Amino acid sequence: MNPVKIGLIREGKIPPDKRVAFTPLQVEEIQQRFPHVKVRCESSPIRCFKDEEYKELDIEVTDNVQDCDILMGIKEVPINWIVAGRTYLFFSHTLKKQPYNRKLLQVALEKKIRLIDYEALKDKQGNRLVAFGRYAGIVGAYNGLWTYGRRYKKFELRRAFECFDVNDLKLELGKVNLPPVKILLTGAGRVGKGAMETLDSARIRKVNIHDFLYKKFDEPVYLQLSSGDYHTRKEGGHFNREEFHHHPDRYSSHFSDFTKVTDILLAGAFWNPKAPVLFTREDMLSTDFKIRIIADITCDINGSIPSTQRASTIPDPIYDFDASTNSIHPPFSNPAFVSVMAVDNLPCELPRSSSEEFGRDLIDRILKPLLLEDSEGVIERATITFNGKLTNHFSYLQDYASGA
């Protein structure tokens, strides 16, 4: 079996990302499970696992990994760093023809690299095999609670990025002391499940739809909604999940039922632009629109939530939205405004824990098809470019790559 060298590359995108594909212990495991593989780590001053943590396990740390066969990062690789002819794995953010990454795809073609996108690593049913969604949900819900505590001066939490790992964050949630508010969580996927972890760790009780809408409580409660809970088929009949995903325009929304009783919204559901929005700016101007805290975990700019007009940042996570003027303002500047948390890189706040889970999925689900035999086509389906051409699965990107 031919030897293979894997390089863990230093993150170069600004703002810097502290995550990494594999932790030091995972690198040790990889080299034990795959004897023909050698992993090298590019030195980094910002990575959540320090160079010394890799060196302590006799993992080579170097200033240059360009001679490695496979180069693995997290965010987009700066185009002037890309080495011709190599195999790269990272989130390229080109699958939706994002204008700001067109040049990246063009360089991938010019330099004839094999570009494998983590987002496209899926099983035969189309389910993603690796993702950071759970940690987006965990941190997003935490930030929503942190925002409430700050706005109403009810309690103080450390920021998520100040916690050592997810266990430290869950201990911090013991400080949450909410009045009897109602919290609405949308989404039942990875993000939704992560957000539920946070709410459960904060000892907030989950209730059903009827009780959430019509009962009063003497404690904080939350409700989790899936798409079928607030969409109705226009032509009648039952909600069909597959139909909704392919033809969301066939459905109308009755989400306004919930905005009348909700204090905090945690938005964690994927939104298709062809689907109804959750609510409009006009809806927010209604006297019975009660929501005052929105943690938009999905962070769809000008998407299903009109107050999400820009992404916020980890250092500056909140802004206020004035629906009457359709404008944003500094946080907590007016009691009538809605406070919005729309950080678009939430897993970066818990880089050690999110990297550990991501690396675990890579080892268990991806390394065998990547390094040995891709019998189920996992790698083949996720390969965007190969030998200077778009693969068949991504031929729809041709006009985008051509600059059209």
Protein backbone atom coordinates (compact mmCIF):
# COMPACT_ATOMS: atom_id res chain seq x y z
CA MET A 1 0.00 0.00 0.00
CA ASN A 2 1.44 3.35 -1.05
CA PRO A 3 2.26 5.76 1.80
CA VAL A 4 -0.03 8.80 2.13
CA LYS A 5 0.84 12.10 3.77
CA ILE A 6 -1.96 14.22 5.24
CA GLY A 7 -1.31 17.84 6.15
CA LEU A 8 -3.44 19.78 8.64
CA ILE A 9 -3.20 23.28 7.19
CA ARG A 10 -3.14 26.55 9.09
CA GLU A 11 -6.37 28.52 8.68
CA GLY A 12 -5.82 31.61 6.57
CA LYS A 13 -9.26 33.14 6.20
CA ILE A 14 -9.99 36.42 8.03
CA PRO A 15 -11.40 36.52 10.67
CA PRO A 16 -9.27 33.56 11.79
CA ASP A 17 -10.89 30.24 12.62
CA LYS A 18 -9.52 28.24 15.55
CA ARG A 19 -10.98 24.89 14.52
CA VAL A 20 -9.04 21.97 13.05
CA ALA A 21 -9.97 18.76 11.23
CA PHE A 22 -8.30 16.45 13.80
CA THR A 23 -7.32 16.82 17.44
CA PRO A 24 -3.89 15.55 18.58
CA LEU A 25 -5.41 12.34 20.01
CA GLN A 26 -7.28 11.76 16.76
CA VAL A 27 -4.10 12.13 14.72
CA GLU A 28 -2.49 9.49 16.94
CA GLU A 29 -5.50 7.22 16.35
CA ILE A 30 -5.39 7.74 12.56
CA GLN A 31 -1.74 6.74 12.35
CA GLN A 32 -2.45 3.62 14.41
CA ARG A 33 -5.52 2.59 12.36
CA PHE A 34 -3.96 3.43 8.98
CA PRO A 35 -0.26 2.43 9.19
CA HIS A 36 0.46 3.75 5.68
CA VAL A 37 -0.68 7.27 6.67
CA LYS A 38 1.52 9.98 8.13
CA VAL A 39 -0.13 13.16 9.44
CA ARG A 40 1.78 16.43 9.70
CA CYS A 41 0.50 19.59 11.34
CA GLU A 42 1.25 23.06 10.00
CA SER A 43 2.28 25.36 12.83
CA SER A 44 -0.44 27.82 13.85
CA PRO A 45 -0.57 30.53 16.53
CA ILE A 46 -4.40 30.59 16.56
CA ARG A 47 -5.47 26.94 16.44
CA CYS A 48 -7.44 25.82 19.52
CA PHE A 49 -5.03 22.91 19.98
CA LYS A 50 -1.55 24.31 20.43
CA ASP A 51 1.47 23.10 18.50
CA GLU A 52 2.84 21.68 21.75
CA GLU A 53 -0.22 19.45 22.18
CA TYR A 54 0.59 17.75 18.88
CA LYS A 55 4.32 17.57 19.63
CA GLU A 56 3.62 15.88 22.97
CA LEU A 57 2.21 12.93 21.01
CA ASP A 58 5.21 12.85 18.64
CA ILE A 59 3.20 14.40 15.80
CA GLU A 60 5.36 16.39 13.43
CA VAL A 61 4.68 20.15 13.49
CA THR A 62 6.21 22.09 10.62
CA ASP A 63 6.03 25.46 8.91
CA ASN A 64 5.21 23.89 5.56
CA VAL A 65 2.94 20.97 4.62
CA GLN A 66 2.76 21.68 0.89
CA ASP A 67 4.43 18.38 -0.01
CA CYS A 68 1.58 16.38 1.58
CA ASP A 69 -0.75 14.43 -0.71
CA ILE A 70 -3.95 15.48 1.09
CA LEU A 71 -4.39 18.90 2.68
CA MET A 72 -7.22 19.38 5.17
CA GLY A 73 -8.54 22.65 6.60
CA ILE A 74 -11.87 24.06 7.73
CA LYS A 75 -12.66 27.37 5.99
CA GLU A 76 -11.77 28.44 2.45
CA VAL A 77 -8.06 28.27 1.67
CA PRO A 78 -6.58 31.59 0.46
CA ILE A 79 -6.11 31.25 -3.29
CA ASN A 80 -2.42 32.14 -3.17
CA TRP A 81 -1.86 29.24 -0.74
CA ILE A 82 -3.30 26.56 -3.03
CA VAL A 83 -0.73 24.05 -4.29
CA ALA A 84 -1.28 22.57 -7.75
CA GLY A 85 -2.18 18.92 -8.09
CA ARG A 86 -3.03 18.26 -4.46
CA THR A 87 -6.21 16.89 -2.87
CA TYR A 88 -7.95 19.43 -0.61
CA LEU A 89 -10.78 19.02 1.87
CA PHE A 90 -12.45 22.15 3.27
CA PHE A 91 -15.71 24.10 3.20
CA SER A 92 -15.41 25.87 -0.15
CA HIS A 93 -18.75 27.74 0.01
CA THR A 94 -19.12 27.51 -3.75
CA LEU A 95 -22.02 25.04 -3.99
CA LYS A 96 -24.61 27.83 -4.09
CA LYS A 97 -22.55 29.89 -6.56
CA GLN A 98 -21.48 32.35 -3.87
CA PRO A 99 -20.05 35.33 -5.81
CA TYR A 100 -17.28 35.99 -3.31
CA ASN A 101 -15.76 32.53 -3.89
CA ARG A 102 -15.91 32.35 -7.69
CA LYS A 103 -12.16 33.04 -7.94
CA LEU A 104 -11.47 30.20 -5.50
CA LEU A 105 -13.25 27.72 -7.77
CA GLN A 106 -11.46 29.13 -10.82
CA VAL A 107 -8.08 28.65 -9.14
CA ALA A 108 -9.04 25.11 -8.12
CA LEU A 109 -9.64 24.37 -11.81
CA GLU A 110 -6.52 26.19 -13.01
CA LYS A 111 -4.26 24.37 -10.55
CA LYS A 112 -5.93 21.02 -11.19
CA ILE A 113 -6.56 20.22 -7.56
CA ARG A 114 -9.03 17.59 -6.38
CA LEU A 115 -11.41 19.70 -4.30
CA ILE A 116 -13.59 17.71 -1.88
CA ASP A 117 -16.15 19.79 -0.02
CA TYR A 118 -17.17 18.69 3.49
CA GLU A 119 -20.68 20.00 2.86
CA ALA A 120 -21.09 17.57 -0.03
CA LEU A 121 -19.99 14.47 1.88
CA LYS A 122 -23.29 12.58 2.00
CA ASP A 123 -24.62 9.05 2.05
CA LYS A 124 -26.71 7.59 -0.78
CA GLN A 125 -29.87 9.06 0.75
CA GLY A 126 -28.39 12.55 0.72
CA ASN A 127 -27.75 12.82 4.46
CA ARG A 128 -24.68 14.79 5.41
CA LEU A 129 -21.94 12.72 7.04
CA VAL A 130 -19.91 15.51 8.68
CA ALA A 131 -21.11 18.88 9.93
CA PHE A 132 -20.80 21.44 12.71
CA GLY A 133 -24.57 21.92 13.03
CA ARG A 134 -24.89 20.52 16.54
CA TYR A 135 -22.43 23.07 17.89
CA ALA A 136 -24.09 25.89 15.99
CA GLY A 137 -27.25 24.94 17.86
CA ILE A 138 -25.56 24.59 21.24
CA VAL A 139 -23.82 27.97 21.01
CA GLY A 140 -26.70 29.74 19.26
CA ALA A 141 -29.18 28.83 21.99
CA TYR A 142 -26.62 29.75 24.64
CA ASN A 143 -26.12 33.15 23.01
CA GLY A 144 -29.88 33.63 22.93
CA LEU A 145 -30.08 33.07 26.69
CA TRP A 146 -27.00 35.27 27.22
CA THR A 147 -28.69 38.04 25.20
CA TYR A 148 -31.84 37.84 27.35
CA GLY A 149 -29.78 38.03 30.53
CA ARG A 150 -27.92 41.08 29.24
CA ARG A 151 -30.98 42.91 27.91
CA TYR A 152 -33.12 42.47 31.01
CA LYS A 153 -30.28 42.31 33.57
CA LYS A 154 -31.61 39.06 35.00
CA PHE A 155 -28.37 37.08 35.12
CA GLU A 156 -24.81 37.09 33.79
CA LEU A 157 -23.08 34.37 31.82
CA ARG A 158 -19.59 34.12 30.47
CA ARG A 159 -19.44 34.28 26.70
CA ALA A 160 -19.39 30.86 25.06
CA PHE A 161 -15.86 31.40 23.73
CA GLU A 162 -14.68 32.03 27.29
CA CYS A 163 -15.70 28.47 28.23
CA PHE A 164 -12.97 25.84 27.86
CA ASP A 165 -15.25 23.31 26.17
CA VAL A 166 -18.89 22.25 25.92
CA ASN A 167 -18.88 20.72 29.41
CA ASP A 168 -17.69 24.00 30.88
CA LEU A 169 -20.43 25.81 28.94
CA LYS A 170 -23.11 23.48 30.30
CA LEU A 171 -21.92 24.15 33.85
CA GLU A 172 -22.22 27.88 33.14
CA LEU A 173 -25.87 27.36 32.22
CA GLY A 174 -26.55 26.67 35.90
CA LYS A 175 -26.51 30.46 36.33
CA VAL A 176 -29.51 30.97 34.05
CA ASN A 177 -32.43 32.37 36.04
CA LEU A 178 -35.30 33.13 33.67
CA PRO A 179 -38.73 34.45 34.54
CA PRO A 180 -41.71 32.53 33.06
CA VAL A 181 -40.88 33.32 29.44
CA LYS A 182 -41.79 31.23 26.41
CA ILE A 183 -38.94 30.18 24.10
CA LEU A 184 -39.63 28.96 20.57
CA LEU A 185 -37.10 26.76 18.76
CA THR A 186 -37.47 25.98 15.05
CA GLY A 187 -35.70 23.02 13.49
CA ALA A 188 -35.43 19.32 14.25
CA GLY A 189 -32.07 18.57 12.63
CA ARG A 190 -28.54 18.82 13.99
CA VAL A 191 -28.95 22.50 14.84
CA GLY A 192 -32.25 21.95 16.61
CA LYS A 193 -30.92 19.03 18.62
CA GLY A 194 -27.90 21.07 19.68
CA ALA A 195 -30.12 23.94 20.80
CA MET A 196 -32.24 21.48 22.78
CA GLU A 197 -29.11 20.34 24.63
CA THR A 198 -28.54 23.90 25.79
CA LEU A 199 -32.15 24.48 26.86
CA ASP A 200 -32.27 21.16 28.70
CA SER A 201 -28.98 21.92 30.44
CA ALA A 202 -30.48 25.24 31.57
CA ARG A 203 -33.35 23.23 33.15
CA ILE A 204 -35.98 24.78 30.89
CA ARG A 205 -39.02 22.53 30.46
CA LYS A 206 -40.20 21.44 27.04
CA VAL A 207 -43.96 21.66 26.38
CA ASN A 208 -46.36 20.76 23.58
CA ILE A 209 -47.90 23.10 21.01
CA HIS A 210 -51.31 23.41 22.68
CA ASP A 211 -49.88 24.27 26.08
CA PHE A 212 -47.38 26.71 24.59
CA LEU A 213 -50.12 28.57 22.73
CA TYR A 214 -52.83 28.61 25.36
CA LYS A 215 -51.45 28.00 28.85
CA LYS A 216 -49.69 30.33 31.26
CA PHE A 217 -46.74 29.03 33.24
CA ASP A 218 -44.95 30.04 36.40
CA GLU A 219 -41.60 28.86 34.96
CA PRO A 220 -39.73 29.28 31.66
CA VAL A 221 -40.72 26.76 28.96
CA TYR A 222 -39.77 26.01 25.39
CA LEU A 223 -41.41 24.51 22.33
CA GLN A 224 -39.61 22.88 19.42
CA LEU A 225 -41.28 23.12 16.02
CA SER A 226 -40.60 21.18 12.84
CA SER A 227 -41.68 22.50 9.46
CA GLY A 228 -44.90 20.50 9.52
CA ASP A 229 -46.01 22.29 12.69
CA TYR A 230 -46.41 25.68 11.03
CA HIS A 231 -46.95 24.97 7.33
CA THR A 232 -50.25 24.00 5.73
CA ARG A 233 -50.76 22.51 2.30
CA LYS A 234 -52.56 25.09 0.15
CA GLU A 235 -54.68 22.48 -1.64
CA GLY A 236 -55.53 20.64 1.54
CA GLY A 237 -54.35 17.28 2.81
CA HIS A 238 -51.60 16.37 5.21
CA PHE A 239 -48.13 17.88 5.37
CA ASN A 240 -45.66 15.88 3.29
CA ARG A 241 -42.04 16.41 4.28
CA GLU A 242 -40.52 15.33 0.95
CA GLU A 243 -42.97 17.44 -1.03
CA PHE A 244 -42.30 20.44 1.19
CA HIS A 245 -38.55 20.13 0.62
CA HIS A 246 -38.97 19.97 -3.16
CA HIS A 247 -42.01 22.23 -3.60
CA PRO A 248 -42.25 24.58 -0.59
CA ASP A 249 -44.31 26.99 -2.69
CA ARG A 250 -47.23 24.59 -2.33
CA TYR A 251 -47.48 25.48 1.35
CA SER A 252 -48.57 28.48 3.39
CA SER A 253 -47.40 29.41 6.87
CA HIS A 254 -49.31 30.01 10.08
CA PHE A 255 -46.23 30.92 12.10
CA SER A 256 -48.00 34.07 13.30
CA ASP A 257 -49.91 31.87 15.76
CA PHE A 258 -46.68 31.55 17.70
CA THR A 259 -45.33 35.11 17.47
CA LYS A 260 -48.20 36.28 19.66
CA VAL A 261 -47.01 34.28 22.68
CA THR A 262 -43.23 33.90 22.15
CA ASP A 263 -40.64 35.95 24.05
CA ILE A 264 -37.43 34.42 22.65
CA LEU A 265 -37.06 32.93 19.17
CA LEU A 266 -34.24 30.48 18.41
CA ALA A 267 -34.27 30.04 14.62
CA GLY A 268 -32.54 26.79 13.70
CA ALA A 269 -34.54 25.48 10.73
CA PHE A 270 -33.16 25.42 7.20
CA TRP A 271 -35.07 27.87 5.01
CA ASN A 272 -35.67 27.49 1.28
CA PRO A 273 -36.08 30.89 -0.46
CA LYS A 274 -39.16 29.45 -2.21
CA ALA A 275 -40.82 28.72 1.13
CA PRO A 276 -42.92 31.22 3.11
CA VAL A 277 -40.98 33.51 5.44
CA LEU A 278 -41.48 33.09 9.17
CA PHE A 279 -42.86 36.62 9.40
CA THR A 280 -42.57 39.99 7.69
CA ARG A 281 -41.52 43.43 8.92
CA GLU A 282 -45.18 44.41 8.84
CA ASP A 283 -45.94 41.47 11.12
CA MET A 284 -43.33 42.78 13.55
CA LEU A 285 -45.17 46.11 13.71
CA SER A 286 -48.34 44.43 14.93
CA THR A 287 -49.26 45.09 18.56
CA ASP A 288 -49.58 41.34 19.20
CA PHE A 289 -46.05 40.53 17.97
CA LYS A 290 -44.38 39.64 21.27
CA ILE A 291 -40.85 38.46 20.35
CA ARG A 292 -38.08 40.70 21.68
CA ILE A 293 -35.05 38.38 21.45
CA ILE A 294 -34.15 36.61 18.20
CA ALA A 295 -31.18 34.26 18.00
CA ASP A 296 -31.00 33.56 14.27
CA ILE A 297 -28.76 30.52 14.28
CA THR A 298 -29.25 29.94 10.55
CA CYS A 299 -28.27 33.55 9.82
CA ASP A 300 -30.01 33.88 6.46
CA ILE A 301 -29.43 37.51 5.54
CA ASN A 302 -32.69 39.07 4.30
CA GLY A 303 -34.20 35.60 4.50
CA SER A 304 -37.08 34.23 6.54
CA ILE A 305 -36.54 36.73 9.39
CA PRO A 306 -36.62 40.41 8.30
CA SER A 307 -34.58 41.62 11.27
CA THR A 308 -31.55 39.59 10.16
CA GLN A 309 -30.11 42.30 7.93
CA ARG A 310 -26.47 41.43 8.48
CA ALA A 311 -24.38 38.86 10.26
CA SER A 312 -23.01 39.81 13.64
CA THR A 313 -19.60 38.74 14.93
CA ILE A 314 -18.29 36.85 17.92
CA PRO A 315 -16.74 40.03 19.42
CA ASP A 316 -19.91 42.06 18.67
CA PRO A 317 -22.75 39.51 18.65
CA ILE A 318 -25.91 41.61 19.06
CA TYR A 319 -27.65 44.47 17.32
CA ASP A 320 -31.13 45.93 17.74
CA PHE A 321 -33.69 46.11 14.95
CA ASP A 322 -36.32 48.81 14.63
CA ALA A 323 -39.15 47.44 12.51
CA SER A 324 -40.81 50.83 12.16
CA THR A 325 -37.84 52.27 10.24
CA ASN A 326 -36.33 48.98 8.99
CA SER A 327 -33.01 49.94 10.56
CA ILE A 328 -30.44 48.45 12.91
CA HIS A 329 -29.06 50.08 16.04
CA PRO A 330 -26.63 49.38 18.90
CA PRO A 331 -27.80 46.63 21.25
CA PHE A 332 -30.35 47.41 23.97
CA SER A 333 -30.84 50.97 22.75
CA ASN A 334 -34.64 51.02 22.95
CA PRO A 335 -37.15 48.73 24.75
CA ALA A 336 -39.35 48.73 21.64
CA PHE A 337 -36.58 47.29 19.45
CA VAL A 338 -35.91 43.59 18.89
CA SER A 339 -32.45 42.37 19.93
CA VAL A 340 -30.87 40.14 17.27
CA MET A 341 -28.04 37.62 17.64
CA ALA A 342 -26.91 36.57 14.15
CA VAL A 343 -23.34 35.26 14.50
CA ASP A 344 -22.62 33.22 11.37
CA ASN A 345 -19.71 31.13 12.71
CA LEU A 346 -21.12 29.93 16.03
CA PRO A 347 -19.14 26.65 16.30
CA CYS A 348 -15.95 28.76 16.41
CA GLU A 349 -16.92 29.79 19.94
CA LEU A 350 -16.33 26.21 21.13
CA PRO A 351 -13.49 25.22 18.81
CA ARG A 352 -12.05 22.37 20.89
CA SER A 353 -15.33 20.51 21.34
CA SER A 354 -16.63 21.17 17.82
CA SER A 355 -13.30 20.08 16.29
CA GLU A 356 -13.34 16.89 18.35
CA GLU A 357 -16.82 15.90 17.14
CA PHE A 358 -16.05 16.86 13.53
CA GLY A 359 -12.83 14.85 13.56
CA ARG A 360 -14.64 11.86 15.05
CA ASP A 361 -17.10 11.88 12.14
CA LEU A 362 -14.26 12.21 9.64
CA ILE A 363 -12.45 9.21 11.11
CA ASP A 364 -15.52 7.00 11.38
CA ARG A 365 -17.25 7.93 8.11
CA ILE A 366 -14.80 9.49 5.66
CA LEU A 367 -11.22 8.25 6.06
CA LYS A 368 -11.86 4.71 4.84
CA PRO A 369 -13.39 5.82 1.50
CA LEU A 370 -10.80 8.59 1.22
CA LEU A 371 -7.73 6.46 1.96
CA LEU A 372 -8.74 2.90 1.01
CA GLU A 373 -11.84 2.19 -1.10
CA ASP A 374 -14.72 4.49 -1.98
CA SER A 375 -17.13 1.59 -2.55
CA GLU A 376 -20.27 3.68 -1.89
CA GLY A 377 -19.12 6.74 -3.84
CA VAL A 378 -18.96 9.06 -0.82
CA ILE A 379 -15.78 10.82 -1.97
CA GLU A 380 -16.74 10.71 -5.64
CA ARG A 381 -20.04 12.49 -4.95
CA ALA A 382 -18.31 15.19 -2.88
CA THR A 383 -15.52 15.95 -5.38
CA ILE A 384 -16.18 19.29 -7.06
CA THR A 385 -13.09 19.59 -9.26
CA PHE A 386 -10.65 16.98 -10.56
CA ASN A 387 -7.78 17.33 -13.05
CA GLY A 388 -8.86 20.80 -14.13
CA LYS A 389 -12.54 20.02 -14.70
CA LEU A 390 -15.79 20.13 -12.81
CA THR A 391 -17.08 16.63 -12.02
CA ASN A 392 -20.45 15.51 -13.35
CA HIS A 393 -22.15 16.10 -10.00
CA PHE A 394 -21.14 19.75 -10.09
CA SER A 395 -21.43 20.55 -13.79
CA TYR A 396 -24.17 23.05 -12.84
CA LEU A 397 -21.34 25.30 -11.58
CA GLN A 398 -19.88 25.72 -15.08
CA ASP A 399 -21.42 29.13 -15.78
CA TYR A 400 -20.41 30.28 -12.29
CA ALA A 401 -16.84 29.09 -12.80
CA SER A 402 -16.73 30.75 -16.22
CA GLY A 403 -17.71 34.09 -14.71
CA ALA A 404 -21.13 34.19 -16.33
